[in-house]
Amino acid sequence: MDFHAEWCGPCKWIVPTLEEVARARAGELLVVKVDTDEAPELAEEYRITSVPTVVLFQDGREVDRSRGVEPHRVKQMAGMEREGAGPGRASTGRAGTDPPGGIP
């Protein structure tokens, strides 16, 4: 779940990563966008204190979250990169191959 705001510049920076995740994990993972100005009660319920914040849910429970613009972290949460992968580091490049803790 991508908590963002229309006026937030950094929120726009994470959009390409979220689109990539949605394409790569289509049918396995759903990317949902929540504008915190339009749904402040939802932002409060999930204790969103800054945007962008990406929250990963599995079986209806929060299992991970990323605050700020962290494209590699978001990909890791989605099971697209191994933990510690980042700029200049190897990625699996394959969804669903990461160890437990990722999305099955």
C-alpha atoms as a PDB file:
ATOM      1  CA  MET A   1       0.000   0.000   0.000  1.00  0.00           C
ATOM      2  CA  ASP A   2       1.535   3.279  -1.164  1.00  0.00           C
ATOM      3  CA  PHE A   3       0.639   6.153   1.153  1.00  0.00           C
ATOM      4  CA  HIS A   4       1.298   9.374  -0.746  1.00  0.00           C
ATOM      5  CA  ALA A   5       0.038  12.915  -1.365  1.00  0.00           C
ATOM      6  CA  GLU A   6      -0.462  14.729  -4.659  1.00  0.00           C
ATOM      7  CA  TRP A   7       1.684  17.687  -3.510  1.00  0.00           C
ATOM      8  CA  CYS A   8       4.594  15.418  -2.471  1.00  0.00           C
ATOM      9  CA  GLY A   9       7.517  15.500  -4.924  1.00  0.00           C
ATOM     10  CA  PRO A  10       9.328  12.451  -3.475  1.00  0.00           C
ATOM     11  CA  CYS A  11       6.066  10.495  -3.728  1.00  0.00           C
ATOM     12  CA  LYS A  12       6.282  10.861  -7.498  1.00  0.00           C
ATOM     13  CA  TRP A  13       9.880   9.558  -7.477  1.00  0.00           C
ATOM     14  CA  ILE A  14       8.812   6.151  -6.114  1.00  0.00           C
ATOM     15  CA  VAL A  15       6.039   5.674  -8.726  1.00  0.00           C
ATOM     16  CA  PRO A  16       8.288   4.010 -11.385  1.00  0.00           C
ATOM     17  CA  THR A  17       9.447   1.468  -8.798  1.00  0.00           C
ATOM     18  CA  LEU A  18       5.873   0.709  -7.747  1.00  0.00           C
ATOM     19  CA  GLU A  19       4.849   0.312 -11.396  1.00  0.00           C
ATOM     20  CA  GLU A  20       7.773  -2.080 -11.933  1.00  0.00           C
ATOM     21  CA  VAL A  21       6.761  -4.112  -8.873  1.00  0.00           C
ATOM     22  CA  ALA A  22       3.132  -4.222 -10.044  1.00  0.00           C
ATOM     23  CA  ARG A  23       4.181  -5.507 -13.490  1.00  0.00           C
ATOM     24  CA  ALA A  24       6.709  -8.035 -12.178  1.00  0.00           C
ATOM     25  CA  ARG A  25       4.403  -9.445  -9.487  1.00  0.00           C
ATOM     26  CA  ALA A  26       1.091  -9.182 -11.377  1.00  0.00           C
ATOM     27  CA  GLY A  27      -1.319 -11.796 -10.069  1.00  0.00           C
ATOM     28  CA  GLU A  28       0.754 -12.264  -6.903  1.00  0.00           C
ATOM     29  CA  LEU A  29       0.849  -8.796  -5.384  1.00  0.00           C
ATOM     30  CA  LEU A  30      -1.494  -5.816  -5.620  1.00  0.00           C
ATOM     31  CA  VAL A  31      -0.170  -2.251  -5.429  1.00  0.00           C
ATOM     32  CA  VAL A  32      -2.771   0.061  -3.874  1.00  0.00           C
ATOM     33  CA  LYS A  33      -2.338   3.835  -3.689  1.00  0.00           C
ATOM     34  CA  VAL A  34      -3.789   5.862  -0.801  1.00  0.00           C
ATOM     35  CA  ASP A  35      -3.770   9.668  -0.920  1.00  0.00           C
ATOM     36  CA  THR A  36      -3.337  10.657   2.722  1.00  0.00           C
ATOM     37  CA  ASP A  37      -5.132  13.980   2.129  1.00  0.00           C
ATOM     38  CA  GLU A  38      -8.202  12.132   0.827  1.00  0.00           C
ATOM     39  CA  ALA A  39      -8.096   9.329   3.413  1.00  0.00           C
ATOM     40  CA  PRO A  40      -6.631  10.828   6.616  1.00  0.00           C
ATOM     41  CA  GLU A  41      -8.427   8.257   8.797  1.00  0.00           C
ATOM     42  CA  LEU A  42      -6.645   5.420   6.980  1.00  0.00           C
ATOM     43  CA  ALA A  43      -3.294   7.194   7.315  1.00  0.00           C
ATOM     44  CA  GLU A  44      -3.943   7.617  11.025  1.00  0.00           C
ATOM     45  CA  GLU A  45      -4.999   3.979  11.423  1.00  0.00           C
ATOM     46  CA  TYR A  46      -1.674   2.826   9.940  1.00  0.00           C
ATOM     47  CA  ARG A  47       0.359   5.483  11.801  1.00  0.00           C
ATOM     48  CA  ILE A  48       1.620   7.171   8.638  1.00  0.00           C
ATOM     49  CA  THR A  49       3.733  10.114   9.787  1.00  0.00           C
ATOM     50  CA  SER A  50       5.467  10.919   6.501  1.00  0.00           C
ATOM     51  CA  VAL A  51       4.981  10.325   2.807  1.00  0.00           C
ATOM     52  CA  PRO A  52       5.839   8.385   0.837  1.00  0.00           C
ATOM     53  CA  THR A  53       5.392   5.321   3.006  1.00  0.00           C
ATOM     54  CA  VAL A  54       4.970   1.889   1.431  1.00  0.00           C
ATOM     55  CA  VAL A  55       3.407  -0.779   3.652  1.00  0.00           C
ATOM     56  CA  LEU A  56       3.474  -4.480   2.751  1.00  0.00           C
ATOM     57  CA  PHE A  57       0.576  -6.617   3.924  1.00  0.00           C
ATOM     58  CA  GLN A  58       0.375 -10.393   3.884  1.00  0.00           C
ATOM     59  CA  ASP A  59      -2.790 -12.219   4.911  1.00  0.00           C
ATOM     60  CA  GLY A  60      -4.237  -8.886   6.071  1.00  0.00           C
ATOM     61  CA  ARG A  61      -1.349  -8.101   8.442  1.00  0.00           C
ATOM     62  CA  GLU A  62       1.430  -5.563   8.065  1.00  0.00           C
ATOM     63  CA  VAL A  63       4.721  -7.377   7.576  1.00  0.00           C
ATOM     64  CA  ASP A  64       7.052  -4.599   6.419  1.00  0.00           C
ATOM     65  CA  ARG A  65       7.242  -0.896   5.635  1.00  0.00           C
ATOM     66  CA  SER A  66       9.470   1.586   3.849  1.00  0.00           C
ATOM     67  CA  ARG A  67       9.535   5.316   4.599  1.00  0.00           C
ATOM     68  CA  GLY A  68      10.818   7.819   2.075  1.00  0.00           C
ATOM     69  CA  VAL A  69      12.157   7.086  -1.380  1.00  0.00           C
ATOM     70  CA  GLU A  70      13.746   3.639  -1.075  1.00  0.00           C
ATOM     71  CA  PRO A  71      13.349   1.886  -4.434  1.00  0.00           C
ATOM     72  CA  HIS A  72      15.677  -1.001  -3.588  1.00  0.00           C
ATOM     73  CA  ARG A  73      13.959  -1.521  -0.239  1.00  0.00           C
ATOM     74  CA  VAL A  74      10.538  -1.599  -1.907  1.00  0.00           C
ATOM     75  CA  LYS A  75      11.796  -4.174  -4.422  1.00  0.00           C
ATOM     76  CA  GLN A  76      13.258  -6.213  -1.569  1.00  0.00           C
ATOM     77  CA  MET A  77       9.930  -6.111   0.257  1.00  0.00           C
ATOM     78  CA  ALA A  78       8.232  -7.374  -2.926  1.00  0.00           C
ATOM     79  CA  GLY A  79      10.694 -10.258  -3.235  1.00  0.00           C
ATOM     80  CA  MET A  80      12.442  -8.819  -6.296  1.00  0.00           C
ATOM     81  CA  GLU A  81      15.860  -8.282  -4.656  1.00  0.00           C
ATOM     82  CA  ARG A  82      17.818 -10.078  -2.012  1.00  0.00           C
ATOM     83  CA  GLU A  83      18.362  -8.379   1.318  1.00  0.00           C
ATOM     84  CA  GLY A  84      21.289  -6.008   1.031  1.00  0.00           C
ATOM     85  CA  ALA A  85      20.927  -5.691  -2.737  1.00  0.00           C
ATOM     86  CA  GLY A  86      21.141  -2.122  -3.895  1.00  0.00           C
ATOM     87  CA  PRO A  87      23.010   0.037  -6.346  1.00  0.00           C
ATOM     88  CA  GLY A  88      25.960  -1.958  -7.664  1.00  0.00           C
ATOM     89  CA  ARG A  89      24.814  -5.158  -5.982  1.00  0.00           C
ATOM     90  CA  ALA A  90      23.367  -8.293  -7.518  1.00  0.00           C
ATOM     91  CA  SER A  91      19.638  -8.837  -7.612  1.00  0.00           C
ATOM     92  CA  THR A  92      17.874 -12.152  -8.128  1.00  0.00           C
ATOM     93  CA  GLY A  93      15.850 -10.575 -10.929  1.00  0.00           C
ATOM     94  CA  ARG A  94      13.223 -13.238 -10.247  1.00  0.00           C
ATOM     95  CA  ALA A  95      10.124 -12.736  -8.148  1.00  0.00           C
ATOM     96  CA  GLY A  96       9.336 -15.239  -5.430  1.00  0.00           C
ATOM     97  CA  THR A  97      12.849 -16.696  -5.070  1.00  0.00           C
ATOM     98  CA  ASP A  98      13.881 -14.930  -1.898  1.00  0.00           C
ATOM     99  CA  PRO A  99      14.101 -16.636   1.504  1.00  0.00           C
ATOM    100  CA  PRO A 100      11.202 -16.623   3.995  1.00  0.00           C
ATOM    101  CA  GLY A 101      10.163 -13.145   5.055  1.00  0.00           C
ATOM    102  CA  GLY A 102       9.489 -12.079   1.483  1.00  0.00           C
ATOM    103  CA  ILE A 103       6.208 -12.578  -0.283  1.00  0.00           C
ATOM    104  CA  PRO A 104       5.553 -16.248  -1.086  1.00  0.00           C
END
